[in-house]
Amino acid sequence: QSLFEEYYHDFSDDEIQIAKTLIKLVETHLLATERKIWHAHPVWFMDENPIVGFSKQKKGIRLMFWSGADFKEAKLSIKGEKFKDASIFYNQAEEIN
């Protein structure tokens, strides 16, 4: 069992599907990344810098991009100024585009 599977072992069925979908998408499209559990959440790094990760929160599964503000993606909510992080919440795997 991988660290990621341990992370989401107590998720609901819908949350597990979201987690598996996000893992597959990130690892398909960001090949030069290293994955690990960081601050208790799955995160992918590039050149030792965090790039993308997800976590379970009250609003759903939050997918966060550390420099996501630069993406100019309307569906991403920009939160931080220092790291320019942006995120989106999912409650069903079908919401992921």
PDB file of N, CA and C in Angstrom:
ATOM      1  N   GLN A   1       0.861  -1.188   0.000  1.00  0.00           N
ATOM      2  CA  GLN A   1       0.000   0.000   0.000  1.00  0.00           C
ATOM      3  C   GLN A   1       0.900   1.242   0.000  1.00  0.00           C
ATOM      4  N   SER A   2       0.649   2.143  -0.934  1.00  0.00           N
ATOM      5  CA  SER A   2       1.471   3.347  -1.034  1.00  0.00           C
ATOM      6  C   SER A   2       1.078   4.370   0.035  1.00  0.00           C
ATOM      7  N   LEU A   3       1.955   5.348   0.222  1.00  0.00           N
ATOM      8  CA  LEU A   3       1.647   6.429   1.164  1.00  0.00           C
ATOM      9  C   LEU A   3       0.367   7.145   0.771  1.00  0.00           C
ATOM     10  N   PHE A   4       0.156   7.311  -0.533  1.00  0.00           N
ATOM     11  CA  PHE A   4      -1.047   7.999  -0.986  1.00  0.00           C
ATOM     12  C   PHE A   4      -2.284   7.191  -0.624  1.00  0.00           C
ATOM     13  N   GLU A   5      -2.228   5.879  -0.819  1.00  0.00           N
ATOM     14  CA  GLU A   5      -3.380   5.041  -0.465  1.00  0.00           C
ATOM     15  C   GLU A   5      -3.653   5.098   1.035  1.00  0.00           C
ATOM     16  N   GLU A   6      -2.604   5.164   1.827  1.00  0.00           N
ATOM     17  CA  GLU A   6      -2.786   5.309   3.271  1.00  0.00           C
ATOM     18  C   GLU A   6      -3.456   6.638   3.595  1.00  0.00           C
ATOM     19  N   TYR A   7      -3.120   7.676   2.838  1.00  0.00           N
ATOM     20  CA  TYR A   7      -3.699   8.993   3.077  1.00  0.00           C
ATOM     21  C   TYR A   7      -5.213   8.960   2.917  1.00  0.00           C
ATOM     22  N   TYR A   8      -5.698   8.323   1.863  1.00  0.00           N
ATOM     23  CA  TYR A   8      -7.133   8.383   1.595  1.00  0.00           C
ATOM     24  C   TYR A   8      -7.897   7.119   2.019  1.00  0.00           C
ATOM     25  N   HIS A   9      -7.312   6.282   2.837  1.00  0.00           N
ATOM     26  CA  HIS A   9      -7.981   5.032   3.209  1.00  0.00           C
ATOM     27  C   HIS A   9      -9.297   5.240   3.959  1.00  0.00           C
ATOM     28  N   ASP A  10      -9.447   6.362   4.655  1.00  0.00           N
ATOM     29  CA  ASP A  10     -10.697   6.590   5.396  1.00  0.00           C
ATOM     30  C   ASP A  10     -11.645   7.567   4.689  1.00  0.00           C
ATOM     31  N   PHE A  11     -11.359   7.861   3.421  1.00  0.00           N
ATOM     32  CA  PHE A  11     -12.245   8.723   2.636  1.00  0.00           C
ATOM     33  C   PHE A  11     -13.525   7.954   2.285  1.00  0.00           C
ATOM     34  N   SER A  12     -14.572   8.695   1.945  1.00  0.00           N
ATOM     35  CA  SER A  12     -15.788   8.072   1.413  1.00  0.00           C
ATOM     36  C   SER A  12     -15.472   7.533   0.017  1.00  0.00           C
ATOM     37  N   ASP A  13     -16.375   6.730  -0.531  1.00  0.00           N
ATOM     38  CA  ASP A  13     -16.173   6.185  -1.877  1.00  0.00           C
ATOM     39  C   ASP A  13     -15.999   7.301  -2.904  1.00  0.00           C
ATOM     40  N   ASP A  14     -16.827   8.349  -2.821  1.00  0.00           N
ATOM     41  CA  ASP A  14     -16.709   9.474  -3.758  1.00  0.00           C
ATOM     42  C   ASP A  14     -15.357  10.165  -3.607  1.00  0.00           C
ATOM     43  N   GLU A  15     -14.904  10.355  -2.381  1.00  0.00           N
ATOM     44  CA  GLU A  15     -13.622  11.021  -2.139  1.00  0.00           C
ATOM     45  C   GLU A  15     -12.453  10.176  -2.647  1.00  0.00           C
ATOM     46  N   ILE A  16     -12.546   8.859  -2.506  1.00  0.00           N
ATOM     47  CA  ILE A  16     -11.506   7.966  -3.034  1.00  0.00           C
ATOM     48  C   ILE A  16     -11.441   8.076  -4.543  1.00  0.00           C
ATOM     49  N   GLN A  17     -12.591   8.123  -5.205  1.00  0.00           N
ATOM     50  CA  GLN A  17     -12.612   8.264  -6.668  1.00  0.00           C
ATOM     51  C   GLN A  17     -11.972   9.587  -7.092  1.00  0.00           C
ATOM     52  N   ILE A  18     -12.256  10.644  -6.375  1.00  0.00           N
ATOM     53  CA  ILE A  18     -11.639  11.944  -6.667  1.00  0.00           C
ATOM     54  C   ILE A  18     -10.129  11.836  -6.505  1.00  0.00           C
ATOM     55  N   ALA A  19      -9.687  11.274  -5.384  1.00  0.00           N
ATOM     56  CA  ALA A  19      -8.250  11.147  -5.117  1.00  0.00           C
ATOM     57  C   ALA A  19      -7.561  10.331  -6.201  1.00  0.00           C
ATOM     58  N   LYS A  20      -8.120   9.192  -6.560  1.00  0.00           N
ATOM     59  CA  LYS A  20      -7.520   8.351  -7.600  1.00  0.00           C
ATOM     60  C   LYS A  20      -7.481   9.062  -8.947  1.00  0.00           C
ATOM     61  N   THR A  21      -8.534   9.788  -9.277  1.00  0.00           N
ATOM     62  CA  THR A  21      -8.572  10.532 -10.537  1.00  0.00           C
ATOM     63  C   THR A  21      -7.501  11.620 -10.548  1.00  0.00           C
ATOM     64  N   LEU A  22      -7.387  12.366  -9.454  1.00  0.00           N
ATOM     65  CA  LEU A  22      -6.378  13.425  -9.386  1.00  0.00           C
ATOM     66  C   LEU A  22      -4.963  12.859  -9.476  1.00  0.00           C
ATOM     67  N   ILE A  23      -4.706  11.766  -8.771  1.00  0.00           N
ATOM     68  CA  ILE A  23      -3.381  11.140  -8.821  1.00  0.00           C
ATOM     69  C   ILE A  23      -3.048  10.732 -10.251  1.00  0.00           C
ATOM     70  N   LYS A  24      -3.994  10.090 -10.918  1.00  0.00           N
ATOM     71  CA  LYS A  24      -3.759   9.639 -12.298  1.00  0.00           C
ATOM     72  C   LYS A  24      -3.491  10.822 -13.227  1.00  0.00           C
ATOM     73  N   LEU A  25      -4.289  11.876 -13.105  1.00  0.00           N
ATOM     74  CA  LEU A  25      -4.106  13.041 -13.968  1.00  0.00           C
ATOM     75  C   LEU A  25      -2.766  13.727 -13.732  1.00  0.00           C
ATOM     76  N   VAL A  26      -2.415  13.937 -12.486  1.00  0.00           N
ATOM     77  CA  VAL A  26      -1.151  14.600 -12.180  1.00  0.00           C
ATOM     78  C   VAL A  26       0.010  13.761 -12.688  1.00  0.00           C
ATOM     79  N   GLU A  27      -0.012  12.476 -12.437  1.00  0.00           N
ATOM     80  CA  GLU A  27       1.112  11.639 -12.820  1.00  0.00           C
ATOM     81  C   GLU A  27       1.162  11.361 -14.315  1.00  0.00           C
ATOM     82  N   THR A  28       0.064  11.575 -15.018  1.00  0.00           N
ATOM     83  CA  THR A  28       0.058  11.449 -16.477  1.00  0.00           C
ATOM     84  C   THR A  28       0.605  12.708 -17.138  1.00  0.00           C
ATOM     85  N   HIS A  29       0.299  13.859 -16.564  1.00  0.00           N
ATOM     86  CA  HIS A  29       0.641  15.125 -17.216  1.00  0.00           C
ATOM     87  C   HIS A  29       1.865  15.829 -16.634  1.00  0.00           C
ATOM     88  N   LEU A  30       2.280  15.460 -15.454  1.00  0.00           N
ATOM     89  CA  LEU A  30       3.470  16.072 -14.840  1.00  0.00           C
ATOM     90  C   LEU A  30       4.495  14.974 -14.566  1.00  0.00           C
ATOM     91  N   LEU A  31       5.142  14.538 -15.619  1.00  0.00           N
ATOM     92  CA  LEU A  31       6.032  13.382 -15.533  1.00  0.00           C
ATOM     93  C   LEU A  31       7.307  13.642 -14.736  1.00  0.00           C
ATOM     94  N   ALA A  32       7.777  14.857 -14.708  1.00  0.00           N
ATOM     95  CA  ALA A  32       9.052  15.175 -14.054  1.00  0.00           C
ATOM     96  C   ALA A  32       8.881  15.521 -12.574  1.00  0.00           C
ATOM     97  N   THR A  33       7.845  14.995 -11.956  1.00  0.00           N
ATOM     98  CA  THR A  33       7.586  15.330 -10.555  1.00  0.00           C
ATOM     99  C   THR A  33       7.908  14.148  -9.642  1.00  0.00           C
ATOM    100  N   GLU A  34       8.121  14.473  -8.392  1.00  0.00           N
ATOM    101  CA  GLU A  34       8.310  13.469  -7.353  1.00  0.00           C
ATOM    102  C   GLU A  34       7.151  13.608  -6.377  1.00  0.00           C
ATOM    103  N   ARG A  35       6.498  12.515  -6.069  1.00  0.00           N
ATOM    104  CA  ARG A  35       5.357  12.589  -5.164  1.00  0.00           C
ATOM    105  C   ARG A  35       5.762  12.168  -3.763  1.00  0.00           C
ATOM    106  N   LYS A  36       5.142  12.826  -2.777  1.00  0.00           N
ATOM    107  CA  LYS A  36       5.356  12.450  -1.381  1.00  0.00           C
ATOM    108  C   LYS A  36       4.248  13.040  -0.522  1.00  0.00           C
ATOM    109  N   ILE A  37       4.172  12.568   0.695  1.00  0.00           N
ATOM    110  CA  ILE A  37       3.259  13.151   1.666  1.00  0.00           C
ATOM    111  C   ILE A  37       4.023  14.294   2.328  1.00  0.00           C
ATOM    112  N   TRP A  38       3.458  15.491   2.259  1.00  0.00           N
ATOM    113  CA  TRP A  38       4.115  16.691   2.766  1.00  0.00           C
ATOM    114  C   TRP A  38       3.107  17.454   3.609  1.00  0.00           C
ATOM    115  N   HIS A  39       3.450  17.781   4.830  1.00  0.00           N
ATOM    116  CA  HIS A  39       2.507  18.409   5.768  1.00  0.00           C
ATOM    117  C   HIS A  39       1.212  17.607   5.828  1.00  0.00           C
ATOM    118  N   ALA A  40       1.355  16.290   5.801  1.00  0.00           N
ATOM    119  CA  ALA A  40       0.262  15.325   5.945  1.00  0.00           C
ATOM    120  C   ALA A  40      -0.659  15.217   4.728  1.00  0.00           C
ATOM    121  N   HIS A  41      -0.235  15.743   3.558  1.00  0.00           N
ATOM    122  CA  HIS A  41      -1.065  15.693   2.349  1.00  0.00           C
ATOM    123  C   HIS A  41      -0.241  15.254   1.141  1.00  0.00           C
ATOM    124  N   PRO A  42      -0.883  14.613   0.157  1.00  0.00           N
ATOM    125  CA  PRO A  42      -0.173  14.248  -1.074  1.00  0.00           C
ATOM    126  C   PRO A  42       0.227  15.507  -1.852  1.00  0.00           C
ATOM    127  N   VAL A  43       1.512  15.583  -2.187  1.00  0.00           N
ATOM    128  CA  VAL A  43       2.034  16.728  -2.927  1.00  0.00           C
ATOM    129  C   VAL A  43       3.056  16.229  -3.942  1.00  0.00           C
ATOM    130  N   TRP A  44       3.071  16.870  -5.108  1.00  0.00           N
ATOM    131  CA  TRP A  44       4.052  16.571  -6.142  1.00  0.00           C
ATOM    132  C   TRP A  44       5.030  17.732  -6.219  1.00  0.00           C
ATOM    133  N   PHE A  45       6.299  17.384  -6.335  1.00  0.00           N
ATOM    134  CA  PHE A  45       7.382  18.371  -6.359  1.00  0.00           C
ATOM    135  C   PHE A  45       8.124  18.313  -7.689  1.00  0.00           C
ATOM    136  N   MET A  46       8.629  19.468  -8.090  1.00  0.00           N
ATOM    137  CA  MET A  46       9.491  19.560  -9.249  1.00  0.00           C
ATOM    138  C   MET A  46      10.723  20.348  -8.797  1.00  0.00           C
ATOM    139  N   ASP A  47      11.898  19.737  -8.940  1.00  0.00           N
ATOM    140  CA  ASP A  47      13.134  20.367  -8.466  1.00  0.00           C
ATOM    141  C   ASP A  47      13.012  20.807  -7.009  1.00  0.00           C
ATOM    142  N   GLU A  48      12.433  19.953  -6.184  1.00  0.00           N
ATOM    143  CA  GLU A  48      12.246  20.165  -4.752  1.00  0.00           C
ATOM    144  C   GLU A  48      11.272  21.285  -4.393  1.00  0.00           C
ATOM    145  N   ASN A  49      10.530  21.789  -5.361  1.00  0.00           N
ATOM    146  CA  ASN A  49       9.513  22.814  -5.120  1.00  0.00           C
ATOM    147  C   ASN A  49       8.124  22.199  -5.249  1.00  0.00           C
ATOM    148  N   PRO A  50       7.231  22.472  -4.296  1.00  0.00           N
ATOM    149  CA  PRO A  50       5.867  21.934  -4.405  1.00  0.00           C
ATOM    150  C   PRO A  50       5.156  22.545  -5.604  1.00  0.00           C
ATOM    151  N   ILE A  51       4.488  21.692  -6.362  1.00  0.00           N
ATOM    152  CA  ILE A  51       3.790  22.135  -7.577  1.00  0.00           C
ATOM    153  C   ILE A  51       2.280  22.022  -7.414  1.00  0.00           C
ATOM    154  N   VAL A  52       1.835  20.839  -7.013  1.00  0.00           N
ATOM    155  CA  VAL A  52       0.403  20.560  -6.903  1.00  0.00           C
ATOM    156  C   VAL A  52       0.182  19.534  -5.793  1.00  0.00           C
ATOM    157  N   GLY A  53      -0.968  19.635  -5.148  1.00  0.00           N
ATOM    158  CA  GLY A  53      -1.316  18.672  -4.122  1.00  0.00           C
ATOM    159  C   GLY A  53      -2.800  18.718  -3.848  1.00  0.00           C
ATOM    160  N   PHE A  54      -3.272  17.782  -3.020  1.00  0.00           N
ATOM    161  CA  PHE A  54      -4.685  17.819  -2.662  1.00  0.00           C
ATOM    162  C   PHE A  54      -4.862  17.453  -1.203  1.00  0.00           C
ATOM    163  N   SER A  55      -5.998  17.878  -0.662  1.00  0.00           N
ATOM    164  CA  SER A  55      -6.316  17.588   0.733  1.00  0.00           C
ATOM    165  C   SER A  55      -7.823  17.523   0.912  1.00  0.00           C
ATOM    166  N   LYS A  56      -8.232  16.788   1.936  1.00  0.00           N
ATOM    167  CA  LYS A  56      -9.651  16.691   2.276  1.00  0.00           C
ATOM    168  C   LYS A  56      -9.994  17.839   3.207  1.00  0.00           C
ATOM    169  N   GLN A  57     -11.032  18.592   2.848  1.00  0.00           N
ATOM    170  CA  GLN A  57     -11.486  19.702   3.669  1.00  0.00           C
ATOM    171  C   GLN A  57     -13.008  19.653   3.761  1.00  0.00           C
ATOM    172  N   LYS A  58     -13.587  20.503   4.583  1.00  0.00           N
ATOM    173  CA  LYS A  58     -15.050  20.497   4.761  1.00  0.00           C
ATOM    174  C   LYS A  58     -15.789  20.706   3.445  1.00  0.00           C
ATOM    175  N   LYS A  59     -15.268  21.563   2.573  1.00  0.00           N
ATOM    176  CA  LYS A  59     -15.935  21.877   1.304  1.00  0.00           C
ATOM    177  C   LYS A  59     -15.752  20.792   0.256  1.00  0.00           C
ATOM    178  N   GLY A  60     -14.884  19.817   0.502  1.00  0.00           N
ATOM    179  CA  GLY A  60     -14.623  18.757  -0.463  1.00  0.00           C
ATOM    180  C   GLY A  60     -13.130  18.489  -0.566  1.00  0.00           C
ATOM    181  N   ILE A  61     -12.749  17.845  -1.654  1.00  0.00           N
ATOM    182  CA  ILE A  61     -11.334  17.580  -1.899  1.00  0.00           C
ATOM    183  C   ILE A  61     -10.760  18.794  -2.624  1.00  0.00           C
ATOM    184  N   ARG A  62      -9.775  19.421  -1.993  1.00  0.00           N
ATOM    185  CA  ARG A  62      -9.175  20.645  -2.542  1.00  0.00           C
ATOM    186  C   ARG A  62      -7.927  20.294  -3.329  1.00  0.00           C
ATOM    187  N   LEU A  63      -7.935  20.618  -4.621  1.00  0.00           N
ATOM    188  CA  LEU A  63      -6.765  20.498  -5.476  1.00  0.00           C
ATOM    189  C   LEU A  63      -6.096  21.864  -5.495  1.00  0.00           C
ATOM    190  N   MET A  64      -4.819  21.924  -5.098  1.00  0.00           N
ATOM    191  CA  MET A  64      -4.131  23.211  -5.001  1.00  0.00           C
ATOM    192  C   MET A  64      -2.884  23.227  -5.865  1.00  0.00           C
ATOM    193  N   PHE A  65      -2.715  24.333  -6.577  1.00  0.00           N
ATOM    194  CA  PHE A  65      -1.519  24.592  -7.374  1.00  0.00           C
ATOM    195  C   PHE A  65      -0.764  25.733  -6.701  1.00  0.00           C
ATOM    196  N   TRP A  66       0.521  25.528  -6.409  1.00  0.00           N
ATOM    197  CA  TRP A  66       1.280  26.541  -5.679  1.00  0.00           C
ATOM    198  C   TRP A  66       1.432  27.842  -6.461  1.00  0.00           C
ATOM    199  N   SER A  67       1.519  27.786  -7.770  1.00  0.00           N
ATOM    200  CA  SER A  67       1.603  29.006  -8.585  1.00  0.00           C
ATOM    201  C   SER A  67       0.389  29.119  -9.494  1.00  0.00           C
ATOM    202  N   GLY A  68      -0.720  28.628  -9.032  1.00  0.00           N
ATOM    203  CA  GLY A  68      -1.929  28.568  -9.838  1.00  0.00           C
ATOM    204  C   GLY A  68      -2.497  29.901 -10.271  1.00  0.00           C
ATOM    205  N   ALA A  69      -2.168  30.978  -9.561  1.00  0.00           N
ATOM    206  CA  ALA A  69      -2.674  32.300  -9.940  1.00  0.00           C
ATOM    207  C   ALA A  69      -2.180  32.687 -11.327  1.00  0.00           C
ATOM    208  N   ASP A  70      -1.040  32.158 -11.718  1.00  0.00           N
ATOM    209  CA  ASP A  70      -0.474  32.464 -13.031  1.00  0.00           C
ATOM    210  C   ASP A  70      -1.198  31.742 -14.169  1.00  0.00           C
ATOM    211  N   PHE A  71      -2.056  30.773 -13.847  1.00  0.00           N
ATOM    212  CA  PHE A  71      -2.742  30.000 -14.875  1.00  0.00           C
ATOM    213  C   PHE A  71      -3.846  30.789 -15.569  1.00  0.00           C
ATOM    214  N   LYS A  72      -4.351  31.819 -14.921  1.00  0.00           N
ATOM    215  CA  LYS A  72      -5.470  32.610 -15.467  1.00  0.00           C
ATOM    216  C   LYS A  72      -6.669  31.710 -15.777  1.00  0.00           C
ATOM    217  N   GLU A  73      -6.918  30.756 -14.888  1.00  0.00           N
ATOM    218  CA  GLU A  73      -8.029  29.823 -15.029  1.00  0.00           C
ATOM    219  C   GLU A  73      -9.186  30.310 -14.171  1.00  0.00           C
ATOM    220  N   ALA A  74     -10.310  30.599 -14.791  1.00  0.00           N
ATOM    221  CA  ALA A  74     -11.448  31.202 -14.100  1.00  0.00           C
ATOM    222  C   ALA A  74     -11.985  30.346 -12.946  1.00  0.00           C
ATOM    223  N   LYS A  75     -11.903  29.034 -13.052  1.00  0.00           N
ATOM    224  CA  LYS A  75     -12.473  28.166 -12.017  1.00  0.00           C
ATOM    225  C   LYS A  75     -11.584  28.027 -10.791  1.00  0.00           C
ATOM    226  N   LEU A  76     -10.347  28.481 -10.875  1.00  0.00           N
ATOM    227  CA  LEU A  76      -9.449  28.392  -9.725  1.00  0.00           C
ATOM    228  C   LEU A  76      -9.629  29.591  -8.815  1.00  0.00           C
ATOM    229  N   SER A  77      -9.743  29.334  -7.539  1.00  0.00           N
ATOM    230  CA  SER A  77      -9.864  30.385  -6.530  1.00  0.00           C
ATOM    231  C   SER A  77      -8.458  30.750  -6.056  1.00  0.00           C
ATOM    232  N   ILE A  78      -8.075  31.993  -6.227  1.00  0.00           N
ATOM    233  CA  ILE A  78      -6.745  32.444  -5.837  1.00  0.00           C
ATOM    234  C   ILE A  78      -6.770  32.830  -4.368  1.00  0.00           C
ATOM    235  N   LYS A  79      -5.834  32.261  -3.609  1.00  0.00           N
ATOM    236  CA  LYS A  79      -5.851  32.475  -2.178  1.00  0.00           C
ATOM    237  C   LYS A  79      -4.658  33.279  -1.685  1.00  0.00           C
ATOM    238  N   GLY A  80      -3.476  32.817  -1.978  1.00  0.00           N
ATOM    239  CA  GLY A  80      -2.290  33.443  -1.403  1.00  0.00           C
ATOM    240  C   GLY A  80      -1.647  34.473  -2.303  1.00  0.00           C
ATOM    241  N   GLU A  81      -0.978  35.412  -1.682  1.00  0.00           N
ATOM    242  CA  GLU A  81      -0.233  36.408  -2.448  1.00  0.00           C
ATOM    243  C   GLU A  81       1.227  36.013  -2.564  1.00  0.00           C
ATOM    244  N   LYS A  82       1.798  35.511  -1.473  1.00  0.00           N
ATOM    245  CA  LYS A  82       3.210  35.156  -1.466  1.00  0.00           C
ATOM    246  C   LYS A  82       3.506  34.019  -2.445  1.00  0.00           C
ATOM    247  N   PHE A  83       2.719  32.950  -2.378  1.00  0.00           N
ATOM    248  CA  PHE A  83       2.970  31.791  -3.223  1.00  0.00           C
ATOM    249  C   PHE A  83       2.077  31.750  -4.455  1.00  0.00           C
ATOM    250  N   LYS A  84       1.143  32.692  -4.555  1.00  0.00           N
ATOM    251  CA  LYS A  84       0.215  32.753  -5.688  1.00  0.00           C
ATOM    252  C   LYS A  84      -0.530  31.436  -5.882  1.00  0.00           C
ATOM    253  N   ASP A  85      -0.892  30.818  -4.745  1.00  0.00           N
ATOM    254  CA  ASP A  85      -1.587  29.549  -4.847  1.00  0.00           C
ATOM    255  C   ASP A  85      -3.035  29.746  -5.275  1.00  0.00           C
ATOM    256  N   ALA A  86      -3.538  28.730  -5.934  1.00  0.00           N
ATOM    257  CA  ALA A  86      -4.922  28.734  -6.394  1.00  0.00           C
ATOM    258  C   ALA A  86      -5.449  27.311  -6.266  1.00  0.00           C
ATOM    259  N   SER A  87      -6.748  27.196  -6.035  1.00  0.00           N
ATOM    260  CA  SER A  87      -7.304  25.870  -5.819  1.00  0.00           C
ATOM    261  C   SER A  87      -8.723  25.757  -6.324  1.00  0.00           C
ATOM    262  N   ILE A  88      -9.175  24.516  -6.358  1.00  0.00           N
ATOM    263  CA  ILE A  88     -10.544  24.200  -6.737  1.00  0.00           C
ATOM    264  C   ILE A  88     -10.996  23.028  -5.870  1.00  0.00           C
ATOM    265  N   PHE A  89     -12.275  22.994  -5.520  1.00  0.00           N
ATOM    266  CA  PHE A  89     -12.829  21.924  -4.693  1.00  0.00           C
ATOM    267  C   PHE A  89     -13.670  20.986  -5.551  1.00  0.00           C
ATOM    268  N   TYR A  90     -13.589  19.694  -5.223  1.00  0.00           N
ATOM    269  CA  TYR A  90     -14.378  18.669  -5.911  1.00  0.00           C
ATOM    270  C   TYR A  90     -15.150  17.848  -4.885  1.00  0.00           C
ATOM    271  N   ASN A  91     -16.387  17.502  -5.243  1.00  0.00           N
ATOM    272  CA  ASN A  91     -17.202  16.621  -4.422  1.00  0.00           C
ATOM    273  C   ASN A  91     -17.596  15.350  -5.156  1.00  0.00           C
ATOM    274  N   GLN A  92     -17.359  15.308  -6.451  1.00  0.00           N
ATOM    275  CA  GLN A  92     -17.618  14.139  -7.294  1.00  0.00           C
ATOM    276  C   GLN A  92     -16.498  14.060  -8.333  1.00  0.00           C
ATOM    277  N   ALA A  93     -16.042  12.863  -8.649  1.00  0.00           N
ATOM    278  CA  ALA A  93     -14.978  12.705  -9.660  1.00  0.00           C
ATOM    279  C   ALA A  93     -15.412  13.245 -11.014  1.00  0.00           C
ATOM    280  N   GLU A  94     -16.707  13.205 -11.300  1.00  0.00           N
ATOM    281  CA  GLU A  94     -17.222  13.680 -12.590  1.00  0.00           C
ATOM    282  C   GLU A  94     -17.039  15.184 -12.778  1.00  0.00           C
ATOM    283  N   GLU A  95     -16.798  15.908 -11.697  1.00  0.00           N
ATOM    284  CA  GLU A  95     -16.590  17.364 -11.774  1.00  0.00           C
ATOM    285  C   GLU A  95     -15.214  17.713 -12.331  1.00  0.00           C
ATOM    286  N   ILE A  96     -14.303  16.769 -12.302  1.00  0.00           N
ATOM    287  CA  ILE A  96     -12.922  17.027 -12.728  1.00  0.00           C
ATOM    288  C   ILE A  96     -12.840  17.103 -14.235  1.00  0.00           C
ATOM    289  N   ASN A  97     -12.305  18.223 -14.708  1.00  0.00           N
ATOM    290  CA  ASN A  97     -12.143  18.428 -16.154  1.00  0.00           C
ATOM    291  C   ASN A  97     -10.665  18.608 -16.436  1.00  0.00           C
TER     292      ASN A  97
END
